[in-house]
């Protein structure tokens, strides 16, 4: 298969997977309101959790993470190569953040980015998850944990893989994820960001 053509197919497949709005789908399955109509309005697991339905939130979290994983695994299974698989994962992340199915207004991409990293570079993904968990436990800020993990991903990716392609892909996802957390960053700086378990949490999702 032509390299440019295979990469185009990989990106298209990844983006299509990323556009599946699991927050909306799981909310409908559990008889909940559209997550875009309450809380932060963000179609992600954290906002679905505000409905009080933990099963729906967990379904959303798993679904969003699997979008990234499946994009990488599928392209690898089709024999397109690791670079194409990584690009498919990045495309799935972009599809989650800017899904055509939701008018290009998607989630913040934390779970999908984690899924991409775990499938493409498991050790890098585990490091990022470990950092997220440590920061979340210490500070109880989900958004801060996501931001620190995002900043660390390109560094650990470069150190562990010594691949400019991997580092570049992780940097692209991290940059977009940080941009999507602009409101959270402002609240963190102002001291108004809600903590995990707070009644008015506006964390990553």
N, C-alpha and C. Protein backbone atom coordinates (compact mmCIF):
# COMPACT_ATOMS: atom_id res chain seq x y z
N UNK A 1 0.84 -1.20 0.00
CA UNK A 1 0.00 0.00 0.00
C UNK A 1 0.88 1.24 0.00
N UNK A 2 0.50 2.23 -0.83
CA UNK A 2 1.25 3.47 -0.88
C UNK A 2 1.30 4.12 0.49
N UNK A 3 2.49 4.60 0.89
CA UNK A 3 2.67 5.15 2.23
C UNK A 3 1.76 6.33 2.50
N UNK A 4 1.70 7.29 1.60
CA UNK A 4 0.87 8.46 1.79
C UNK A 4 -0.61 8.08 1.86
N UNK A 5 -1.00 7.11 1.01
CA UNK A 5 -2.39 6.66 1.01
C UNK A 5 -2.74 5.96 2.31
N UNK A 6 -1.82 5.11 2.79
CA UNK A 6 -2.08 4.37 4.02
C UNK A 6 -2.18 5.32 5.22
N UNK A 7 -1.35 6.36 5.23
CA UNK A 7 -1.41 7.34 6.32
C UNK A 7 -2.74 8.10 6.27
N UNK A 8 -3.18 8.44 5.06
CA UNK A 8 -4.46 9.13 4.90
C UNK A 8 -5.61 8.26 5.41
N UNK A 9 -5.56 6.97 5.07
CA UNK A 9 -6.59 6.04 5.55
C UNK A 9 -6.54 5.92 7.06
N UNK A 10 -5.33 5.83 7.62
CA UNK A 10 -5.16 5.71 9.07
C UNK A 10 -5.74 6.92 9.78
N UNK A 11 -5.47 8.10 9.26
CA UNK A 11 -5.98 9.33 9.89
C UNK A 11 -7.50 9.39 9.80
N UNK A 12 -8.03 9.00 8.64
CA UNK A 12 -9.49 9.01 8.46
C UNK A 12 -10.16 8.03 9.43
N UNK A 13 -9.59 6.84 9.56
CA UNK A 13 -10.14 5.84 10.48
C UNK A 13 -10.09 6.35 11.92
N UNK A 14 -8.94 6.91 12.28
CA UNK A 14 -8.78 7.42 13.64
C UNK A 14 -9.77 8.53 13.94
N UNK A 15 -9.90 9.47 13.02
CA UNK A 15 -10.81 10.59 13.25
C UNK A 15 -12.25 10.09 13.38
N UNK A 16 -12.64 9.15 12.53
CA UNK A 16 -14.00 8.61 12.58
C UNK A 16 -14.28 7.96 13.94
N UNK A 17 -13.33 7.22 14.45
CA UNK A 17 -13.49 6.61 15.78
C UNK A 17 -13.59 7.67 16.86
N UNK A 18 -12.76 8.70 16.74
CA UNK A 18 -12.76 9.76 17.74
C UNK A 18 -14.06 10.54 17.79
N UNK A 19 -14.79 10.55 16.69
CA UNK A 19 -16.04 11.31 16.62
C UNK A 19 -17.22 10.61 17.29
N UNK A 20 -17.03 9.37 17.74
CA UNK A 20 -18.12 8.68 18.45
C UNK A 20 -18.32 9.36 19.80
N UNK A 21 -19.47 9.98 20.04
CA UNK A 21 -19.70 10.75 21.28
C UNK A 21 -20.20 9.87 22.43
N UNK A 22 -19.27 9.18 23.06
CA UNK A 22 -19.67 8.22 24.10
C UNK A 22 -20.40 8.89 25.26
N UNK A 23 -20.09 10.15 25.56
CA UNK A 23 -20.80 10.83 26.64
C UNK A 23 -22.29 10.94 26.32
N UNK A 24 -22.60 11.26 25.08
CA UNK A 24 -23.98 11.39 24.66
C UNK A 24 -24.63 10.01 24.54
N UNK A 25 -23.90 9.07 23.96
CA UNK A 25 -24.43 7.72 23.78
C UNK A 25 -24.74 7.06 25.12
N UNK A 26 -23.79 7.10 26.05
CA UNK A 26 -23.99 6.46 27.34
C UNK A 26 -25.11 7.15 28.12
N UNK A 27 -25.23 8.47 27.99
CA UNK A 27 -26.30 9.18 28.68
C UNK A 27 -27.67 8.72 28.17
N UNK A 28 -27.76 8.52 26.87
CA UNK A 28 -29.03 8.04 26.31
C UNK A 28 -29.32 6.61 26.77
N UNK A 29 -28.28 5.78 26.81
CA UNK A 29 -28.46 4.39 27.24
C UNK A 29 -28.97 4.31 28.67
N UNK A 30 -28.50 5.23 29.52
CA UNK A 30 -28.90 5.23 30.92
C UNK A 30 -30.06 6.18 31.22
N UNK A 31 -30.68 6.70 30.16
CA UNK A 31 -31.85 7.56 30.34
C UNK A 31 -31.55 8.90 30.97
N UNK A 32 -30.36 9.45 30.70
CA UNK A 32 -29.96 10.72 31.29
C UNK A 32 -30.11 11.85 30.28
N UNK A 33 -30.04 13.07 30.79
CA UNK A 33 -30.08 14.24 29.92
C UNK A 33 -28.78 14.33 29.14
N UNK A 34 -28.83 15.01 28.01
CA UNK A 34 -27.63 15.25 27.22
C UNK A 34 -26.61 16.01 28.08
N UNK A 35 -25.38 15.49 28.22
CA UNK A 35 -24.39 16.14 29.09
C UNK A 35 -24.02 17.56 28.66
N UNK A 36 -24.38 17.92 27.43
CA UNK A 36 -24.09 19.28 26.97
C UNK A 36 -25.09 20.29 27.51
N UNK A 37 -26.11 19.80 28.24
CA UNK A 37 -27.15 20.69 28.75
C UNK A 37 -27.03 20.98 30.24
N UNK A 38 -26.00 20.46 30.89
CA UNK A 38 -25.85 20.72 32.33
C UNK A 38 -24.37 20.76 32.71
N UNK A 39 -24.11 21.16 33.93
CA UNK A 39 -22.73 21.23 34.41
C UNK A 39 -21.88 22.16 33.57
N UNK A 40 -20.72 21.64 33.17
CA UNK A 40 -19.80 22.42 32.33
C UNK A 40 -20.22 22.42 30.86
N UNK A 41 -21.16 21.52 30.52
CA UNK A 41 -21.57 21.37 29.13
C UNK A 41 -20.59 20.57 28.31
N UNK A 42 -19.59 20.03 28.97
CA UNK A 42 -18.54 19.28 28.28
C UNK A 42 -18.97 17.83 28.08
N UNK A 43 -18.93 17.30 26.86
CA UNK A 43 -19.30 15.90 26.62
C UNK A 43 -18.18 14.94 26.97
N UNK A 44 -17.92 14.82 28.27
CA UNK A 44 -16.87 13.93 28.76
C UNK A 44 -17.32 13.22 30.02
N UNK A 45 -16.50 12.30 30.50
CA UNK A 45 -16.86 11.47 31.64
C UNK A 45 -17.09 12.28 32.92
N UNK A 46 -16.27 13.30 33.15
CA UNK A 46 -16.41 14.09 34.37
C UNK A 46 -17.76 14.78 34.43
N UNK A 47 -18.20 15.33 33.31
CA UNK A 47 -19.49 16.01 33.31
C UNK A 47 -20.63 15.01 33.42
N UNK A 48 -20.50 13.85 32.79
CA UNK A 48 -21.54 12.81 32.93
C UNK A 48 -21.66 12.40 34.40
N UNK A 49 -20.54 12.39 35.11
CA UNK A 49 -20.56 12.02 36.53
C UNK A 49 -21.42 13.00 37.34
N UNK A 50 -21.52 14.23 36.88
CA UNK A 50 -22.34 15.22 37.58
C UNK A 50 -23.83 14.84 37.58
N UNK A 51 -24.21 13.93 36.69
CA UNK A 51 -25.59 13.47 36.66
C UNK A 51 -25.89 12.59 37.87
N UNK A 52 -24.83 12.11 38.53
CA UNK A 52 -24.99 11.22 39.66
C UNK A 52 -24.97 9.76 39.29
N UNK A 53 -24.88 9.47 37.99
CA UNK A 53 -24.88 8.09 37.52
C UNK A 53 -23.43 7.65 37.25
N UNK A 54 -22.86 6.92 38.20
CA UNK A 54 -21.47 6.51 38.07
C UNK A 54 -21.26 5.50 36.95
N UNK A 55 -22.27 4.66 36.69
CA UNK A 55 -22.13 3.67 35.62
C UNK A 55 -22.05 4.36 34.26
N UNK A 56 -22.85 5.39 34.08
CA UNK A 56 -22.81 6.13 32.82
C UNK A 56 -21.48 6.84 32.64
N UNK A 57 -20.96 7.40 33.74
CA UNK A 57 -19.67 8.08 33.69
C UNK A 57 -18.55 7.10 33.39
N UNK A 58 -18.60 5.91 34.01
CA UNK A 58 -17.58 4.90 33.76
C UNK A 58 -17.65 4.39 32.33
N UNK A 59 -18.85 4.21 31.81
CA UNK A 59 -19.03 3.79 30.43
C UNK A 59 -18.44 4.82 29.48
N UNK A 60 -18.66 6.09 29.78
CA UNK A 60 -18.10 7.17 28.96
C UNK A 60 -16.58 7.16 29.02
N UNK A 61 -16.04 7.02 30.21
CA UNK A 61 -14.59 7.02 30.39
C UNK A 61 -13.94 5.89 29.61
N UNK A 62 -14.49 4.69 29.73
CA UNK A 62 -13.94 3.52 29.03
C UNK A 62 -14.08 3.70 27.52
N UNK A 63 -15.25 4.16 27.09
CA UNK A 63 -15.47 4.35 25.66
C UNK A 63 -14.52 5.37 25.05
N UNK A 64 -14.33 6.49 25.75
CA UNK A 64 -13.44 7.53 25.24
C UNK A 64 -11.99 7.04 25.19
N UNK A 65 -11.58 6.27 26.19
CA UNK A 65 -10.22 5.72 26.18
C UNK A 65 -10.04 4.69 25.06
N UNK A 66 -11.07 3.87 24.87
CA UNK A 66 -10.99 2.83 23.84
C UNK A 66 -10.91 3.41 22.43
N UNK A 67 -11.48 4.59 22.23
CA UNK A 67 -11.38 5.22 20.91
C UNK A 67 -9.92 5.38 20.50
N UNK A 68 -9.11 5.85 21.44
CA UNK A 68 -7.69 6.02 21.17
C UNK A 68 -6.98 4.70 20.99
N UNK A 69 -7.31 3.73 21.87
CA UNK A 69 -6.67 2.41 21.79
C UNK A 69 -7.00 1.71 20.48
N UNK A 70 -8.28 1.66 20.15
CA UNK A 70 -8.73 0.93 18.97
C UNK A 70 -8.16 1.53 17.69
N UNK A 71 -8.05 2.85 17.65
CA UNK A 71 -7.49 3.49 16.46
C UNK A 71 -6.07 3.00 16.21
N UNK A 72 -5.27 2.93 17.26
CA UNK A 72 -3.89 2.45 17.14
C UNK A 72 -3.86 0.97 16.80
N UNK A 73 -4.63 0.19 17.52
CA UNK A 73 -4.63 -1.27 17.31
C UNK A 73 -5.13 -1.63 15.91
N UNK A 74 -6.18 -0.97 15.45
CA UNK A 74 -6.76 -1.31 14.15
C UNK A 74 -5.78 -1.04 13.01
N UNK A 75 -5.13 0.11 13.05
CA UNK A 75 -4.19 0.46 11.98
C UNK A 75 -2.98 -0.48 12.01
N UNK A 76 -2.54 -0.85 13.19
CA UNK A 76 -1.45 -1.83 13.29
C UNK A 76 -1.89 -3.17 12.72
N UNK A 77 -3.11 -3.59 13.04
CA UNK A 77 -3.62 -4.88 12.57
C UNK A 77 -3.75 -4.90 11.05
N UNK A 78 -3.97 -3.73 10.46
CA UNK A 78 -4.07 -3.63 9.00
C UNK A 78 -2.70 -3.56 8.34
N UNK A 79 -1.65 -3.61 9.15
CA UNK A 79 -0.29 -3.65 8.62
C UNK A 79 0.22 -2.33 8.07
N UNK A 80 -0.28 -1.22 8.58
CA UNK A 80 0.13 0.09 8.07
C UNK A 80 1.37 0.64 8.75
N UNK A 81 1.81 0.00 9.83
CA UNK A 81 3.03 0.44 10.49
C UNK A 81 2.78 1.25 11.75
N UNK A 82 3.81 1.36 12.57
CA UNK A 82 3.69 2.04 13.86
C UNK A 82 3.45 3.54 13.72
N UNK A 83 4.12 4.18 12.76
CA UNK A 83 3.92 5.61 12.59
C UNK A 83 2.49 5.94 12.17
N UNK A 84 1.96 5.15 11.25
CA UNK A 84 0.58 5.35 10.82
C UNK A 84 -0.38 5.09 11.98
N UNK A 85 -0.07 4.08 12.79
CA UNK A 85 -0.91 3.76 13.95
C UNK A 85 -0.91 4.91 14.94
N UNK A 86 0.26 5.50 15.17
CA UNK A 86 0.35 6.63 16.08
C UNK A 86 -0.43 7.83 15.55
N UNK A 87 -0.33 8.09 14.26
CA UNK A 87 -1.09 9.18 13.65
C UNK A 87 -2.59 8.93 13.74
N UNK A 88 -2.98 7.67 13.62
CA UNK A 88 -4.40 7.32 13.76
C UNK A 88 -4.87 7.64 15.17
N UNK A 89 -4.02 7.36 16.15
CA UNK A 89 -4.36 7.68 17.53
C UNK A 89 -4.51 9.18 17.75
N UNK A 90 -3.58 9.95 17.20
CA UNK A 90 -3.67 11.41 17.30
C UNK A 90 -4.95 11.90 16.62
N UNK A 91 -5.29 11.31 15.48
CA UNK A 91 -6.50 11.69 14.77
C UNK A 91 -7.75 11.37 15.60
N UNK A 92 -7.72 10.25 16.33
CA UNK A 92 -8.84 9.90 17.21
C UNK A 92 -8.98 10.94 18.32
N UNK A 93 -7.85 11.38 18.84
CA UNK A 93 -7.85 12.43 19.87
C UNK A 93 -8.45 13.72 19.31
N UNK A 94 -8.04 14.10 18.11
CA UNK A 94 -8.58 15.30 17.46
C UNK A 94 -10.07 15.13 17.20
N UNK A 95 -10.47 13.91 16.80
CA UNK A 95 -11.88 13.64 16.56
C UNK A 95 -12.71 13.79 17.82
N UNK A 96 -12.13 13.42 18.96
CA UNK A 96 -12.84 13.57 20.23
C UNK A 96 -13.00 15.05 20.59
N UNK A 97 -11.95 15.83 20.38
CA UNK A 97 -11.97 17.25 20.72
C UNK A 97 -12.82 18.06 19.74
N UNK A 98 -12.72 17.70 18.45
CA UNK A 98 -13.46 18.40 17.40
C UNK A 98 -14.28 17.41 16.57
N UNK A 99 -15.32 16.81 17.17
CA UNK A 99 -16.10 15.80 16.45
C UNK A 99 -17.13 16.40 15.50
N UNK A 100 -17.14 15.94 14.28
CA UNK A 100 -18.13 16.42 13.33
C UNK A 100 -19.54 16.04 13.80
N UNK A 101 -19.65 14.97 14.58
CA UNK A 101 -20.95 14.51 15.07
C UNK A 101 -21.56 15.45 16.10
N UNK A 102 -20.75 16.29 16.71
CA UNK A 102 -21.26 17.23 17.72
C UNK A 102 -20.97 18.68 17.32
N UNK A 103 -20.92 18.92 16.01
CA UNK A 103 -20.66 20.27 15.55
C UNK A 103 -19.29 20.78 15.91
N UNK A 104 -18.33 19.87 16.00
CA UNK A 104 -16.93 20.19 16.30
C UNK A 104 -16.73 20.74 17.72
N UNK A 105 -17.68 20.45 18.61
CA UNK A 105 -17.56 20.88 20.00
C UNK A 105 -17.54 19.64 20.89
N UNK A 106 -16.34 19.11 21.11
CA UNK A 106 -16.20 17.86 21.85
C UNK A 106 -15.63 18.04 23.23
N UNK A 107 -15.07 16.94 23.77
CA UNK A 107 -14.51 16.95 25.11
C UNK A 107 -13.09 17.47 25.14
N UNK A 108 -12.48 17.34 26.30
CA UNK A 108 -11.13 17.87 26.48
C UNK A 108 -10.05 16.86 26.09
N UNK A 109 -10.42 15.59 25.99
CA UNK A 109 -9.51 14.61 25.42
C UNK A 109 -8.60 13.86 26.36
N UNK A 110 -8.80 14.00 27.67
CA UNK A 110 -7.89 13.35 28.62
C UNK A 110 -7.92 11.83 28.48
N UNK A 111 -9.11 11.24 28.50
CA UNK A 111 -9.23 9.78 28.42
C UNK A 111 -8.76 9.26 27.07
N UNK A 112 -9.11 9.95 26.00
CA UNK A 112 -8.71 9.50 24.67
C UNK A 112 -7.20 9.58 24.49
N UNK A 113 -6.58 10.64 24.99
CA UNK A 113 -5.12 10.76 24.92
C UNK A 113 -4.45 9.64 25.70
N UNK A 114 -5.01 9.30 26.86
CA UNK A 114 -4.47 8.20 27.65
C UNK A 114 -4.56 6.89 26.88
N UNK A 115 -5.69 6.67 26.21
CA UNK A 115 -5.86 5.46 25.42
C UNK A 115 -4.86 5.36 24.29
N UNK A 116 -4.60 6.49 23.63
CA UNK A 116 -3.61 6.51 22.54
C UNK A 116 -2.23 6.15 23.07
N UNK A 117 -1.83 6.76 24.17
CA UNK A 117 -0.51 6.50 24.73
C UNK A 117 -0.36 5.06 25.20
N UNK A 118 -1.38 4.53 25.85
CA UNK A 118 -1.30 3.16 26.35
C UNK A 118 -1.20 2.15 25.21
N UNK A 119 -1.85 2.43 24.10
CA UNK A 119 -1.81 1.51 22.96
C UNK A 119 -0.55 1.67 22.14
N UNK A 120 -0.12 2.93 21.94
CA UNK A 120 1.04 3.19 21.08
C UNK A 120 2.35 2.96 21.82
N UNK A 121 2.46 3.48 23.03
CA UNK A 121 3.66 3.36 23.85
C UNK A 121 3.22 3.10 25.29
N UNK A 122 2.96 1.83 25.63
CA UNK A 122 2.40 1.49 26.95
C UNK A 122 3.16 2.08 28.14
N UNK A 123 4.48 2.05 28.11
CA UNK A 123 5.25 2.56 29.24
C UNK A 123 5.03 4.06 29.41
N UNK A 124 5.02 4.79 28.31
CA UNK A 124 4.77 6.23 28.37
C UNK A 124 3.37 6.50 28.92
N UNK A 125 2.41 5.70 28.49
CA UNK A 125 1.05 5.84 28.97
C UNK A 125 0.95 5.57 30.46
N UNK A 126 1.64 4.55 30.93
CA UNK A 126 1.62 4.22 32.35
C UNK A 126 2.27 5.31 33.19
N UNK A 127 3.34 5.89 32.66
CA UNK A 127 4.00 6.99 33.37
C UNK A 127 3.05 8.18 33.49
N UNK A 128 2.37 8.51 32.40
CA UNK A 128 1.42 9.62 32.41
C UNK A 128 0.28 9.36 33.39
N UNK A 129 -0.23 8.14 33.40
CA UNK A 129 -1.30 7.79 34.33
C UNK A 129 -0.82 7.86 35.78
N UNK A 130 0.40 7.42 36.01
CA UNK A 130 0.97 7.48 37.35
C UNK A 130 1.10 8.92 37.83
N UNK A 131 1.56 9.78 36.94
CA UNK A 131 1.70 11.20 37.28
C UNK A 131 0.33 11.81 37.54
N UNK A 132 -0.64 11.49 36.68
CA UNK A 132 -2.00 12.01 36.89
C UNK A 132 -2.53 11.59 38.26
N UNK A 133 -2.37 10.30 38.59
CA UNK A 133 -2.89 9.79 39.85
C UNK A 133 -2.22 10.45 41.04
N UNK A 134 -0.88 10.62 40.98
CA UNK A 134 -0.14 11.22 42.08
C UNK A 134 -0.58 12.67 42.32
N UNK A 135 -0.68 13.44 41.23
CA UNK A 135 -1.07 14.85 41.36
C UNK A 135 -2.52 14.96 41.84
N UNK A 136 -3.39 14.10 41.32
CA UNK A 136 -4.80 14.13 41.71
C UNK A 136 -4.96 13.79 43.19
N UNK A 137 -4.21 12.81 43.67
CA UNK A 137 -4.31 12.42 45.07
C UNK A 137 -3.77 13.50 45.99
N UNK A 138 -2.68 14.14 45.58
CA UNK A 138 -2.05 15.16 46.42
C UNK A 138 -2.85 16.46 46.44
N UNK A 139 -3.29 16.91 45.25
CA UNK A 139 -3.95 18.22 45.15
C UNK A 139 -5.46 18.15 45.09
N UNK A 140 -6.00 17.01 44.66
CA UNK A 140 -7.43 16.82 44.43
C UNK A 140 -7.96 17.72 43.32
N UNK A 141 -7.05 18.13 42.44
CA UNK A 141 -7.45 18.86 41.23
C UNK A 141 -7.29 17.95 40.03
N UNK A 142 -8.40 17.51 39.44
CA UNK A 142 -8.33 16.65 38.27
C UNK A 142 -7.71 17.38 37.09
N UNK A 143 -8.07 18.65 36.93
CA UNK A 143 -7.56 19.42 35.81
C UNK A 143 -6.05 19.62 35.92
N UNK A 144 -5.57 19.92 37.12
CA UNK A 144 -4.13 20.11 37.31
C UNK A 144 -3.38 18.81 37.04
N UNK A 145 -3.97 17.69 37.48
CA UNK A 145 -3.35 16.39 37.23
C UNK A 145 -3.24 16.13 35.73
N UNK A 146 -4.30 16.47 35.00
CA UNK A 146 -4.29 16.27 33.54
C UNK A 146 -3.24 17.15 32.88
N UNK A 147 -3.11 18.38 33.35
CA UNK A 147 -2.14 19.32 32.76
C UNK A 147 -0.70 18.88 33.02
N UNK A 148 -0.42 18.44 34.24
CA UNK A 148 0.93 17.99 34.56
C UNK A 148 1.28 16.73 33.77
N UNK A 149 0.33 15.80 33.69
CA UNK A 149 0.55 14.57 32.93
C UNK A 149 0.78 14.89 31.45
N UNK A 150 0.01 15.85 30.93
CA UNK A 150 0.16 16.24 29.52
C UNK A 150 1.53 16.85 29.26
N UNK A 151 2.00 17.68 30.17
CA UNK A 151 3.31 18.30 30.01
C UNK A 151 4.43 17.27 30.08
N UNK A 152 4.23 16.24 30.87
CA UNK A 152 5.28 15.22 31.05
C UNK A 152 5.36 14.24 29.89
N UNK A 153 4.24 14.05 29.17
CA UNK A 153 4.17 13.00 28.15
C UNK A 153 5.22 13.13 27.05
N UNK A 154 5.39 14.31 26.43
CA UNK A 154 6.41 14.41 25.38
C UNK A 154 7.82 14.14 25.90
N UNK A 155 8.08 14.56 27.15
CA UNK A 155 9.41 14.36 27.73
C UNK A 155 9.68 12.88 27.97
N UNK A 156 8.74 12.21 28.63
CA UNK A 156 8.92 10.78 28.89
C UNK A 156 8.92 9.99 27.59
N UNK A 157 8.13 10.46 26.61
CA UNK A 157 8.11 9.79 25.31
C UNK A 157 9.45 9.86 24.62
N UNK A 158 10.08 11.03 24.66
CA UNK A 158 11.39 11.18 24.03
C UNK A 158 12.46 10.39 24.77
N UNK A 159 12.42 10.44 26.11
CA UNK A 159 13.43 9.73 26.89
C UNK A 159 13.30 8.21 26.75
N UNK A 160 12.05 7.74 26.70
CA UNK A 160 11.84 6.29 26.66
C UNK A 160 12.00 5.71 25.27
N UNK A 161 11.51 6.43 24.25
CA UNK A 161 11.54 5.88 22.88
C UNK A 161 12.66 6.45 22.04
N UNK A 162 13.16 7.64 22.41
CA UNK A 162 14.17 8.35 21.63
C UNK A 162 13.71 8.54 20.18
N UNK A 163 12.41 8.74 20.03
CA UNK A 163 11.82 8.91 18.70
C UNK A 163 11.24 10.32 18.57
N UNK A 164 11.70 11.05 17.57
CA UNK A 164 11.17 12.39 17.33
C UNK A 164 9.71 12.33 16.90
N UNK A 165 9.34 11.26 16.19
CA UNK A 165 7.96 11.11 15.74
C UNK A 165 7.02 10.95 16.93
N UNK A 166 7.40 10.08 17.86
CA UNK A 166 6.60 9.85 19.07
C UNK A 166 6.52 11.13 19.89
N UNK A 167 7.65 11.77 20.08
CA UNK A 167 7.69 13.00 20.86
C UNK A 167 6.82 14.08 20.22
N UNK A 168 6.89 14.20 18.90
CA UNK A 168 6.09 15.20 18.20
C UNK A 168 4.61 14.94 18.31
N UNK A 169 4.23 13.66 18.18
CA UNK A 169 2.81 13.30 18.28
C UNK A 169 2.28 13.58 19.68
N UNK A 170 3.06 13.22 20.69
CA UNK A 170 2.65 13.46 22.07
C UNK A 170 2.59 14.96 22.37
N UNK A 171 3.54 15.70 21.83
CA UNK A 171 3.56 17.15 22.03
C UNK A 171 2.32 17.80 21.41
N UNK A 172 1.93 17.31 20.24
CA UNK A 172 0.75 17.86 19.57
C UNK A 172 -0.51 17.61 20.41
N UNK A 173 -0.66 16.38 20.91
CA UNK A 173 -1.82 16.08 21.76
C UNK A 173 -1.78 16.89 23.05
N UNK A 174 -0.60 16.98 23.65
CA UNK A 174 -0.47 17.71 24.90
C UNK A 174 -0.80 19.18 24.72
N UNK A 175 -0.32 19.76 23.63
CA UNK A 175 -0.60 21.17 23.38
C UNK A 175 -2.08 21.44 23.23
N UNK A 176 -2.77 20.58 22.49
CA UNK A 176 -4.21 20.75 22.29
C UNK A 176 -4.96 20.53 23.59
N UNK A 177 -4.53 19.53 24.37
CA UNK A 177 -5.18 19.25 25.64
C UNK A 177 -5.03 20.44 26.59
N UNK A 178 -3.84 21.02 26.64
CA UNK A 178 -3.60 22.18 27.50
C UNK A 178 -4.47 23.35 27.06
N UNK A 179 -4.56 23.57 25.75
CA UNK A 179 -5.39 24.65 25.22
C UNK A 179 -6.85 24.47 25.62
N UNK A 180 -7.33 23.21 25.58
CA UNK A 180 -8.72 22.92 25.94
C UNK A 180 -8.98 23.14 27.43
N UNK A 181 -7.91 23.20 28.22
CA UNK A 181 -8.04 23.43 29.66
C UNK A 181 -7.79 24.90 30.03
N UNK A 182 -7.93 25.80 29.06
CA UNK A 182 -7.64 27.22 29.32
C UNK A 182 -8.48 27.77 30.47
N UNK A 183 -9.76 27.43 30.50
CA UNK A 183 -10.63 27.92 31.58
C UNK A 183 -10.19 27.35 32.93
N UNK A 184 -9.81 26.07 32.93
CA UNK A 184 -9.34 25.45 34.17
C UNK A 184 -8.07 26.12 34.68
N UNK A 185 -7.18 26.47 33.74
CA UNK A 185 -5.93 27.13 34.11
C UNK A 185 -6.22 28.48 34.76
N UNK A 186 -7.17 29.22 34.20
CA UNK A 186 -7.53 30.51 34.78
C UNK A 186 -8.10 30.34 36.19
N UNK A 187 -8.95 29.32 36.37
CA UNK A 187 -9.51 29.09 37.70
C UNK A 187 -8.46 28.62 38.69
N UNK A 188 -7.51 27.83 38.22
CA UNK A 188 -6.42 27.40 39.11
C UNK A 188 -5.60 28.59 39.57
N UNK A 189 -5.33 29.51 38.65
CA UNK A 189 -4.54 30.70 38.98
C UNK A 189 -5.30 31.64 39.91
N UNK A 190 -6.64 31.66 39.76
CA UNK A 190 -7.46 32.52 40.61
C UNK A 190 -7.85 31.87 41.93
N UNK A 191 -7.53 30.57 42.06
CA UNK A 191 -7.90 29.85 43.27
C UNK A 191 -9.36 29.48 43.34
N UNK A 192 -10.03 29.44 42.18
CA UNK A 192 -11.46 29.13 42.17
C UNK A 192 -11.78 27.78 41.54
N UNK A 193 -10.77 27.03 41.16
CA UNK A 193 -11.00 25.71 40.56
C UNK A 193 -11.50 24.75 41.63
N UNK A 194 -12.55 24.01 41.31
CA UNK A 194 -13.10 23.05 42.26
C UNK A 194 -12.26 21.79 42.31
N UNK A 195 -12.23 21.18 43.46
CA UNK A 195 -11.45 19.97 43.66
C UNK A 195 -12.29 18.73 43.39
N UNK A 196 -11.63 17.61 43.24
CA UNK A 196 -12.32 16.34 43.02
C UNK A 196 -13.26 16.08 44.19
N UNK A 197 -14.50 15.79 43.85
CA UNK A 197 -15.50 15.56 44.90
C UNK A 197 -16.27 16.80 45.28
N UNK A 198 -15.84 17.97 44.74
CA UNK A 198 -16.54 19.22 45.04
C UNK A 198 -17.89 19.27 44.34
N UNK A 199 -18.77 20.08 44.87
CA UNK A 199 -20.14 20.16 44.31
C UNK A 199 -20.18 20.85 42.97
N UNK A 200 -19.18 21.73 42.72
CA UNK A 200 -19.21 22.49 41.47
C UNK A 200 -17.95 22.21 40.66
N UNK A 201 -17.53 20.97 40.63
CA UNK A 201 -16.30 20.61 39.94
C UNK A 201 -16.36 21.00 38.48
N UNK A 202 -15.27 21.57 38.00
CA UNK A 202 -15.16 21.93 36.58
C UNK A 202 -13.88 21.31 36.04
N UNK A 203 -13.68 20.07 36.34
CA UNK A 203 -12.41 19.43 36.03
C UNK A 203 -12.36 18.88 34.63
N UNK A 204 -11.22 18.23 34.34
CA UNK A 204 -11.03 17.68 33.00
C UNK A 204 -11.99 16.57 32.72
N UNK A 205 -12.39 16.43 31.45
CA UNK A 205 -13.23 15.31 31.08
C UNK A 205 -13.41 15.22 29.61
